PDB file of N, CA and C in Angstrom:
ATOM      1  N   UNK A   1      -9.657 -13.844  15.436  1.00  0.00           N
ATOM      2  CA  UNK A   1      -9.855 -13.426  14.050  1.00  0.00           C
ATOM      3  C   UNK A   1      -9.204 -14.465  13.141  1.00  0.00           C
ATOM      4  N   UNK A   2      -9.911 -14.864  12.125  1.00  0.00           N
ATOM      5  CA  UNK A   2      -9.334 -15.901  11.269  1.00  0.00           C
ATOM      6  C   UNK A   2      -8.274 -15.324  10.336  1.00  0.00           C
ATOM      7  N   UNK A   3      -7.513 -16.200   9.720  1.00  0.00           N
ATOM      8  CA  UNK A   3      -6.386 -15.785   8.862  1.00  0.00           C
ATOM      9  C   UNK A   3      -6.828 -14.907   7.700  1.00  0.00           C
ATOM     10  N   UNK A   4      -7.959 -15.248   7.121  1.00  0.00           N
ATOM     11  CA  UNK A   4      -8.469 -14.488   5.973  1.00  0.00           C
ATOM     12  C   UNK A   4      -8.732 -13.035   6.372  1.00  0.00           C
ATOM     13  N   UNK A   5      -9.384 -12.841   7.486  1.00  0.00           N
ATOM     14  CA  UNK A   5      -9.664 -11.474   7.964  1.00  0.00           C
ATOM     15  C   UNK A   5      -8.381 -10.738   8.315  1.00  0.00           C
ATOM     16  N   UNK A   6      -7.469 -11.433   8.957  1.00  0.00           N
ATOM     17  CA  UNK A   6      -6.198 -10.818   9.322  1.00  0.00           C
ATOM     18  C   UNK A   6      -5.445 -10.358   8.073  1.00  0.00           C
ATOM     19  N   UNK A   7      -5.447 -11.215   7.071  1.00  0.00           N
ATOM     20  CA  UNK A   7      -4.760 -10.878   5.817  1.00  0.00           C
ATOM     21  C   UNK A   7      -5.363  -9.617   5.213  1.00  0.00           C
ATOM     22  N   UNK A   8      -6.680  -9.567   5.099  1.00  0.00           N
ATOM     23  CA  UNK A   8      -7.335  -8.410   4.472  1.00  0.00           C
ATOM     24  C   UNK A   8      -7.192  -7.153   5.324  1.00  0.00           C
ATOM     25  N   UNK A   9      -7.191  -7.315   6.614  1.00  0.00           N
ATOM     26  CA  UNK A   9      -6.988  -6.156   7.487  1.00  0.00           C
ATOM     27  C   UNK A   9      -5.580  -5.595   7.291  1.00  0.00           C
ATOM     28  N   UNK A  10      -4.600  -6.493   7.238  1.00  0.00           N
ATOM     29  CA  UNK A  10      -3.214  -6.076   7.042  1.00  0.00           C
ATOM     30  C   UNK A  10      -3.044  -5.395   5.684  1.00  0.00           C
ATOM     31  N   UNK A  11      -3.667  -5.949   4.646  1.00  0.00           N
ATOM     32  CA  UNK A  11      -3.592  -5.360   3.292  1.00  0.00           C
ATOM     33  C   UNK A  11      -4.231  -3.971   3.262  1.00  0.00           C
ATOM     34  N   UNK A  12      -5.373  -3.827   3.939  1.00  0.00           N
ATOM     35  CA  UNK A  12      -6.059  -2.544   3.984  1.00  0.00           C
ATOM     36  C   UNK A  12      -5.193  -1.504   4.697  1.00  0.00           C
ATOM     37  N   UNK A  13      -4.542  -1.899   5.791  1.00  0.00           N
ATOM     38  CA  UNK A  13      -3.661  -0.998   6.513  1.00  0.00           C
ATOM     39  C   UNK A  13      -2.477  -0.581   5.646  1.00  0.00           C
ATOM     40  N   UNK A  14      -1.898  -1.533   4.919  1.00  0.00           N
ATOM     41  CA  UNK A  14      -0.786  -1.226   4.026  1.00  0.00           C
ATOM     42  C   UNK A  14      -1.233  -0.267   2.929  1.00  0.00           C
ATOM     43  N   UNK A  15      -2.412  -0.501   2.391  1.00  0.00           N
ATOM     44  CA  UNK A  15      -2.946   0.355   1.344  1.00  0.00           C
ATOM     45  C   UNK A  15      -3.189   1.767   1.869  1.00  0.00           C
ATOM     46  N   UNK A  16      -3.758   1.867   3.077  1.00  0.00           N
ATOM     47  CA  UNK A  16      -3.998   3.172   3.688  1.00  0.00           C
ATOM     48  C   UNK A  16      -2.678   3.917   3.902  1.00  0.00           C
ATOM     49  N   UNK A  17      -1.658   3.198   4.379  1.00  0.00           N
ATOM     50  CA  UNK A  17      -0.353   3.809   4.604  1.00  0.00           C
ATOM     51  C   UNK A  17       0.269   4.271   3.290  1.00  0.00           C
ATOM     52  N   UNK A  18       0.173   3.442   2.267  1.00  0.00           N
ATOM     53  CA  UNK A  18       0.717   3.813   0.954  1.00  0.00           C
ATOM     54  C   UNK A  18      -0.025   5.014   0.397  1.00  0.00           C
ATOM     55  N   UNK A  19      -1.330   5.053   0.586  1.00  0.00           N
ATOM     56  CA  UNK A  19      -2.121   6.191   0.132  1.00  0.00           C
ATOM     57  C   UNK A  19      -1.725   7.467   0.832  1.00  0.00           C
ATOM     58  N   UNK A  20      -1.476   7.374   2.137  1.00  0.00           N
ATOM     59  CA  UNK A  20      -1.044   8.558   2.884  1.00  0.00           C
ATOM     60  C   UNK A  20       0.321   9.035   2.410  1.00  0.00           C
ATOM     61  N   UNK A  21       1.232   8.110   2.186  1.00  0.00           N
ATOM     62  CA  UNK A  21       2.571   8.473   1.710  1.00  0.00           C
ATOM     63  C   UNK A  21       2.456   9.122   0.334  1.00  0.00           C
ATOM     64  N   UNK A  22       1.665   8.513  -0.551  1.00  0.00           N
ATOM     65  CA  UNK A  22       1.476   9.075  -1.884  1.00  0.00           C
ATOM     66  C   UNK A  22       0.857  10.450  -1.819  1.00  0.00           C
ATOM     67  N   UNK A  23      -0.153  10.615  -0.978  1.00  0.00           N
ATOM     68  CA  UNK A  23      -0.818  11.910  -0.840  1.00  0.00           C
ATOM     69  C   UNK A  23       0.141  12.939  -0.264  1.00  0.00           C
ATOM     70  N   UNK A  24       0.948  12.538   0.708  1.00  0.00           N
ATOM     71  CA  UNK A  24       1.945  13.447   1.282  1.00  0.00           C
ATOM     72  C   UNK A  24       2.934  13.909   0.211  1.00  0.00           C
ATOM     73  N   UNK A  25       3.332  13.007  -0.666  1.00  0.00           N
ATOM     74  CA  UNK A  25       4.269  13.367  -1.731  1.00  0.00           C
ATOM     75  C   UNK A  25       3.631  14.332  -2.723  1.00  0.00           C
ATOM     76  N   UNK A  26       2.371  14.091  -3.064  1.00  0.00           N
ATOM     77  CA  UNK A  26       1.660  14.997  -3.975  1.00  0.00           C
ATOM     78  C   UNK A  26       1.502  16.369  -3.319  1.00  0.00           C
ATOM     79  N   UNK A  27       1.085  16.382  -2.053  1.00  0.00           N
ATOM     80  CA  UNK A  27       0.936  17.653  -1.339  1.00  0.00           C
ATOM     81  C   UNK A  27       2.258  18.424  -1.296  1.00  0.00           C
ATOM     82  N   UNK A  28       3.355  17.706  -1.044  1.00  0.00           N
ATOM     83  CA  UNK A  28       4.670  18.363  -0.981  1.00  0.00           C
ATOM     84  C   UNK A  28       5.062  18.933  -2.342  1.00  0.00           C
ATOM     85  N   UNK A  29       4.784  18.192  -3.412  1.00  0.00           N
ATOM     86  CA  UNK A  29       5.121  18.669  -4.753  1.00  0.00           C
ATOM     87  C   UNK A  29       4.292  19.901  -5.115  1.00  0.00           C
ATOM     88  N   UNK A  30       2.995  19.858  -4.813  1.00  0.00           N
ATOM     89  CA  UNK A  30       2.131  21.010  -5.107  1.00  0.00           C
ATOM     90  C   UNK A  30       2.552  22.202  -4.248  1.00  0.00           C
ATOM     91  N   UNK A  31       2.904  21.967  -2.994  1.00  0.00           N
ATOM     92  CA  UNK A  31       3.364  23.044  -2.121  1.00  0.00           C
ATOM     93  C   UNK A  31       4.632  23.696  -2.673  1.00  0.00           C
ATOM     94  N   UNK A  32       5.546  22.878  -3.163  1.00  0.00           N
ATOM     95  CA  UNK A  32       6.790  23.418  -3.733  1.00  0.00           C
ATOM     96  C   UNK A  32       6.496  24.251  -4.979  1.00  0.00           C
ATOM     97  N   UNK A  33       5.614  23.742  -5.835  1.00  0.00           N
ATOM     98  CA  UNK A  33       5.249  24.501  -7.042  1.00  0.00           C
ATOM     99  C   UNK A  33       4.551  25.805  -6.690  1.00  0.00           C
ATOM    100  N   UNK A  34       3.607  25.741  -5.760  1.00  0.00           N
ATOM    101  CA  UNK A  34       2.906  26.959  -5.362  1.00  0.00           C
ATOM    102  C   UNK A  34       3.862  27.965  -4.728  1.00  0.00           C
ATOM    103  N   UNK A  35       4.764  27.477  -3.913  1.00  0.00           N
ATOM    104  CA  UNK A  35       5.736  28.369  -3.272  1.00  0.00           C
ATOM    105  C   UNK A  35       6.561  29.110  -4.320  1.00  0.00           C
ATOM    106  N   UNK A  36       7.011  28.388  -5.318  1.00  0.00           N
ATOM    107  CA  UNK A  36       7.810  29.011  -6.385  1.00  0.00           C
ATOM    108  C   UNK A  36       6.980  30.008  -7.193  1.00  0.00           C
ATOM    109  N   UNK A  37       5.726  29.666  -7.463  1.00  0.00           N
ATOM    110  CA  UNK A  37       4.901  30.578  -8.258  1.00  0.00           C
ATOM    111  C   UNK A  37       4.457  31.793  -7.455  1.00  0.00           C
ATOM    112  N   UNK A  38       4.339  31.656  -6.129  1.00  0.00           N
ATOM    113  CA  UNK A  38       4.043  32.817  -5.277  1.00  0.00           C
ATOM    114  C   UNK A  38       5.227  33.777  -5.308  1.00  0.00           C
ATOM    115  N   UNK A  39       6.432  33.237  -5.152  1.00  0.00           N
ATOM    116  CA  UNK A  39       7.644  34.066  -5.185  1.00  0.00           C
ATOM    117  C   UNK A  39       7.755  34.785  -6.528  1.00  0.00           C
ATOM    118  N   UNK A  40       7.361  34.114  -7.593  1.00  0.00           N
ATOM    119  CA  UNK A  40       7.418  34.709  -8.935  1.00  0.00           C
ATOM    120  C   UNK A  40       6.253  35.671  -9.196  1.00  0.00           C
ATOM    121  N   UNK A  41       5.312  35.738  -8.255  1.00  0.00           N
ATOM    122  CA  UNK A  41       4.187  36.644  -8.419  1.00  0.00           C
ATOM    123  C   UNK A  41       3.088  36.131  -9.333  1.00  0.00           C
ATOM    124  N   UNK A  42       3.066  34.829  -9.553  1.00  0.00           N
ATOM    125  CA  UNK A  42       2.090  34.232 -10.479  1.00  0.00           C
ATOM    126  C   UNK A  42       0.824  33.796  -9.760  1.00  0.00           C
ATOM    127  N   UNK A  43       0.978  33.196  -8.568  1.00  0.00           N
ATOM    128  CA  UNK A  43      -0.191  32.730  -7.836  1.00  0.00           C
ATOM    129  C   UNK A  43      -0.359  33.481  -6.529  1.00  0.00           C
ATOM    130  N   UNK A  44      -1.580  33.453  -6.040  1.00  0.00           N
ATOM    131  CA  UNK A  44      -1.916  34.139  -4.791  1.00  0.00           C
ATOM    132  C   UNK A  44      -1.249  33.427  -3.615  1.00  0.00           C
ATOM    133  N   UNK A  45      -0.794  34.184  -2.634  1.00  0.00           N
ATOM    134  CA  UNK A  45      -0.128  33.565  -1.478  1.00  0.00           C
ATOM    135  C   UNK A  45      -1.096  32.847  -0.535  1.00  0.00           C
ATOM    136  N   UNK A  46      -2.390  33.098  -0.659  1.00  0.00           N
ATOM    137  CA  UNK A  46      -3.359  32.478   0.255  1.00  0.00           C
ATOM    138  C   UNK A  46      -3.894  31.138  -0.239  1.00  0.00           C
ATOM    139  N   UNK A  47      -3.378  30.642  -1.349  1.00  0.00           N
ATOM    140  CA  UNK A  47      -3.844  29.372  -1.902  1.00  0.00           C
ATOM    141  C   UNK A  47      -3.167  28.226  -1.146  1.00  0.00           C
ATOM    142  N   UNK A  48      -3.987  27.345  -0.596  1.00  0.00           N
ATOM    143  CA  UNK A  48      -3.465  26.196   0.155  1.00  0.00           C
ATOM    144  C   UNK A  48      -3.202  25.031  -0.804  1.00  0.00           C
ATOM    145  N   UNK A  49      -2.032  24.400  -0.702  1.00  0.00           N
ATOM    146  CA  UNK A  49      -1.726  23.265  -1.575  1.00  0.00           C
ATOM    147  C   UNK A  49      -2.786  22.173  -1.521  1.00  0.00           C
ATOM    148  N   UNK A  50      -3.296  21.889  -0.327  1.00  0.00           N
ATOM    149  CA  UNK A  50      -4.305  20.846  -0.188  1.00  0.00           C
ATOM    150  C   UNK A  50      -5.575  21.202  -0.966  1.00  0.00           C
ATOM    151  N   UNK A  51      -5.928  22.485  -1.014  1.00  0.00           N
ATOM    152  CA  UNK A  51      -7.107  22.904  -1.775  1.00  0.00           C
ATOM    153  C   UNK A  51      -6.919  22.633  -3.260  1.00  0.00           C
ATOM    154  N   UNK A  52      -5.717  22.876  -3.751  1.00  0.00           N
ATOM    155  CA  UNK A  52      -5.426  22.617  -5.164  1.00  0.00           C
ATOM    156  C   UNK A  52      -5.494  21.116  -5.451  1.00  0.00           C
ATOM    157  N   UNK A  53      -4.930  20.315  -4.566  1.00  0.00           N
ATOM    158  CA  UNK A  53      -4.947  18.860  -4.747  1.00  0.00           C
ATOM    159  C   UNK A  53      -6.388  18.347  -4.736  1.00  0.00           C
ATOM    160  N   UNK A  54      -7.197  18.830  -3.804  1.00  0.00           N
ATOM    161  CA  UNK A  54      -8.595  18.393  -3.730  1.00  0.00           C
ATOM    162  C   UNK A  54      -9.344  18.799  -4.999  1.00  0.00           C
ATOM    163  N   UNK A  55      -9.131  20.022  -5.471  1.00  0.00           N
ATOM    164  CA  UNK A  55      -9.806  20.481  -6.686  1.00  0.00           C
ATOM    165  C   UNK A  55      -9.398  19.643  -7.894  1.00  0.00           C
ATOM    166  N   UNK A  56      -8.105  19.401  -8.039  1.00  0.00           N
ATOM    167  CA  UNK A  56      -7.637  18.585  -9.158  1.00  0.00           C
ATOM    168  C   UNK A  56      -8.154  17.148  -9.060  1.00  0.00           C
ATOM    169  N   UNK A  57      -8.226  16.630  -7.848  1.00  0.00           N
ATOM    170  CA  UNK A  57      -8.750  15.273  -7.656  1.00  0.00           C
ATOM    171  C   UNK A  57     -10.213  15.194  -8.076  1.00  0.00           C
ATOM    172  N   UNK A  58     -10.974  16.198  -7.704  1.00  0.00           N
ATOM    173  CA  UNK A  58     -12.382  16.221  -8.098  1.00  0.00           C
ATOM    174  C   UNK A  58     -12.553  16.285  -9.600  1.00  0.00           C
ATOM    175  N   UNK A  59     -11.746  17.111 -10.243  1.00  0.00           N
ATOM    176  CA  UNK A  59     -11.801  17.209 -11.700  1.00  0.00           C
ATOM    177  C   UNK A  59     -11.428  15.867 -12.330  1.00  0.00           C
ATOM    178  N   UNK A  60     -10.394  15.234 -11.814  1.00  0.00           N
ATOM    179  CA  UNK A  60      -9.958  13.942 -12.350  1.00  0.00           C
ATOM    180  C   UNK A  60     -11.029  12.872 -12.175  1.00  0.00           C
ATOM    181  N   UNK A  61     -11.764  12.928 -11.065  1.00  0.00           N
ATOM    182  CA  UNK A  61     -12.794  11.919 -10.812  1.00  0.00           C
ATOM    183  C   UNK A  61     -13.944  11.997 -11.812  1.00  0.00           C
ATOM    184  N   UNK A  62     -14.261  13.192 -12.290  1.00  0.00           N
ATOM    185  CA  UNK A  62     -15.398  13.323 -13.210  1.00  0.00           C
ATOM    186  C   UNK A  62     -14.985  13.398 -14.673  1.00  0.00           C
ATOM    187  N   UNK A  63     -13.709  13.544 -14.932  1.00  0.00           N
ATOM    188  CA  UNK A  63     -13.238  13.757 -16.306  1.00  0.00           C
ATOM    189  C   UNK A  63     -13.672  12.655 -17.264  1.00  0.00           C
ATOM    190  N   UNK A  64     -13.634  11.414 -16.825  1.00  0.00           N
ATOM    191  CA  UNK A  64     -13.978  10.293 -17.714  1.00  0.00           C
ATOM    192  C   UNK A  64     -15.462  10.200 -18.045  1.00  0.00           C
ATOM    193  N   UNK A  65     -16.298  10.769 -17.208  1.00  0.00           N
ATOM    194  CA  UNK A  65     -17.741  10.623 -17.432  1.00  0.00           C
ATOM    195  C   UNK A  65     -18.374  11.842 -18.103  1.00  0.00           C
ATOM    196  N   UNK A  66     -17.610  12.884 -18.305  1.00  0.00           N
ATOM    197  CA  UNK A  66     -18.162  14.079 -18.942  1.00  0.00           C
ATOM    198  C   UNK A  66     -18.378  13.833 -20.431  1.00  0.00           C
ATOM    199  N   UNK A  67     -19.537  14.202 -20.905  1.00  0.00           N
ATOM    200  CA  UNK A  67     -19.814  14.048 -22.335  1.00  0.00           C
ATOM    201  C   UNK A  67     -19.091  15.114 -23.148  1.00  0.00           C
ATOM    202  N   UNK A  68     -18.951  16.283 -22.572  1.00  0.00           N
ATOM    203  CA  UNK A  68     -18.281  17.392 -23.249  1.00  0.00           C
ATOM    204  C   UNK A  68     -16.808  17.383 -22.836  1.00  0.00           C
ATOM    205  N   UNK A  69     -15.954  16.842 -23.676  1.00  0.00           N
ATOM    206  CA  UNK A  69     -14.528  16.724 -23.352  1.00  0.00           C
ATOM    207  C   UNK A  69     -13.871  18.089 -23.136  1.00  0.00           C
ATOM    208  N   UNK A  70     -14.385  19.111 -23.791  1.00  0.00           N
ATOM    209  CA  UNK A  70     -13.821  20.450 -23.616  1.00  0.00           C
ATOM    210  C   UNK A  70     -14.122  21.015 -22.222  1.00  0.00           C
ATOM    211  N   UNK A  71     -15.114  20.438 -21.559  1.00  0.00           N
ATOM    212  CA  UNK A  71     -15.470  20.927 -20.233  1.00  0.00           C
ATOM    213  C   UNK A  71     -14.320  20.743 -19.247  1.00  0.00           C
ATOM    214  N   UNK A  72     -13.566  19.679 -19.374  1.00  0.00           N
ATOM    215  CA  UNK A  72     -12.416  19.458 -18.490  1.00  0.00           C
ATOM    216  C   UNK A  72     -11.435  20.618 -18.625  1.00  0.00           C
ATOM    217  N   UNK A  73     -11.153  21.021 -19.838  1.00  0.00           N
ATOM    218  CA  UNK A  73     -10.237  22.150 -20.062  1.00  0.00           C
ATOM    219  C   UNK A  73     -10.799  23.433 -19.474  1.00  0.00           C
ATOM    220  N   UNK A  74     -12.092  23.640 -19.630  1.00  0.00           N
ATOM    221  CA  UNK A  74     -12.704  24.859 -19.084  1.00  0.00           C
ATOM    222  C   UNK A  74     -12.660  24.869 -17.555  1.00  0.00           C
ATOM    223  N   UNK A  75     -12.903  23.725 -16.951  1.00  0.00           N
ATOM    224  CA  UNK A  75     -12.881  23.651 -15.490  1.00  0.00           C
ATOM    225  C   UNK A  75     -11.449  23.836 -14.971  1.00  0.00           C
ATOM    226  N   UNK A  76     -10.473  23.257 -15.654  1.00  0.00           N
ATOM    227  CA  UNK A  76      -9.074  23.474 -15.269  1.00  0.00           C
ATOM    228  C   UNK A  76      -8.701  24.945 -15.415  1.00  0.00           C
ATOM    229  N   UNK A  77      -9.172  25.584 -16.484  1.00  0.00           N
ATOM    230  CA  UNK A  77      -8.926  27.022 -16.655  1.00  0.00           C
ATOM    231  C   UNK A  77      -9.514  27.818 -15.491  1.00  0.00           C
ATOM    232  N   UNK A  78     -10.721  27.442 -15.060  1.00  0.00           N
ATOM    233  CA  UNK A  78     -11.335  28.118 -13.912  1.00  0.00           C
ATOM    234  C   UNK A  78     -10.471  27.984 -12.667  1.00  0.00           C
ATOM    235  N   UNK A  79      -9.979  26.783 -12.426  1.00  0.00           N
ATOM    236  CA  UNK A  79      -9.115  26.558 -11.267  1.00  0.00           C
ATOM    237  C   UNK A  79      -7.860  27.406 -11.367  1.00  0.00           C
ATOM    238  N   UNK A  80      -7.188  27.351 -12.510  1.00  0.00           N
ATOM    239  CA  UNK A  80      -5.931  28.083 -12.664  1.00  0.00           C
ATOM    240  C   UNK A  80      -6.142  29.590 -12.583  1.00  0.00           C
ATOM    241  N   UNK A  81      -7.230  30.076 -13.162  1.00  0.00           N
ATOM    242  CA  UNK A  81      -7.532  31.512 -13.072  1.00  0.00           C
ATOM    243  C   UNK A  81      -7.820  31.912 -11.631  1.00  0.00           C
ATOM    244  N   UNK A  82      -8.444  31.000 -10.891  1.00  0.00           N
ATOM    245  CA  UNK A  82      -8.779  31.295  -9.506  1.00  0.00           C
ATOM    246  C   UNK A  82      -7.580  31.405  -8.580  1.00  0.00           C
ATOM    247  N   UNK A  83      -6.484  30.774  -8.914  1.00  0.00           N
ATOM    248  CA  UNK A  83      -5.308  30.834  -8.041  1.00  0.00           C
ATOM    249  C   UNK A  83      -4.283  31.862  -8.495  1.00  0.00           C
ATOM    250  N   UNK A  84      -4.514  32.470  -9.648  1.00  0.00           N
ATOM    251  CA  UNK A  84      -3.568  33.484 -10.146  1.00  0.00           C
ATOM    252  C   UNK A  84      -3.715  34.791  -9.397  1.00  0.00           C
ATOM    253  N   UNK A  85      -2.626  35.530  -9.370  1.00  0.00           N
ATOM    254  CA  UNK A  85      -2.660  36.875  -8.767  1.00  0.00           C
ATOM    255  C   UNK A  85      -3.388  37.815  -9.712  1.00  0.00           C
ATOM    256  N   UNK A  86      -3.898  38.873  -9.161  1.00  0.00           N
ATOM    257  CA  UNK A  86      -4.581  39.900  -9.950  1.00  0.00           C
ATOM    258  C   UNK A  86      -3.744  41.162  -9.925  1.00  0.00           C
ATOM    259  N   UNK A  87      -3.675  41.846 -11.073  1.00  0.00           N
ATOM    260  CA  UNK A  87      -2.877  43.097 -11.108  1.00  0.00           C
ATOM    261  C   UNK A  87      -3.486  44.172 -10.231  1.00  0.00           C
TER     262      UNK A  87
END
């Protein structure tokens, strides 16, 4: 394998590792927040932190291309309402 390929392979591996570390940190932070809100009776105990991260990531990916800027707020409201406990 030539040096150029080796360099790019090494960079890609470093990027993948950094992405995993970053994602692990986000997952841990969301898990801590969800845990606290479950104890407080605010969110449902069956909500998985990874599901929240994936939902927020999807919203973030489309936020810049939406013509209706208020739609982002409405979609976030849907997410937050979906994870709240019901009386």
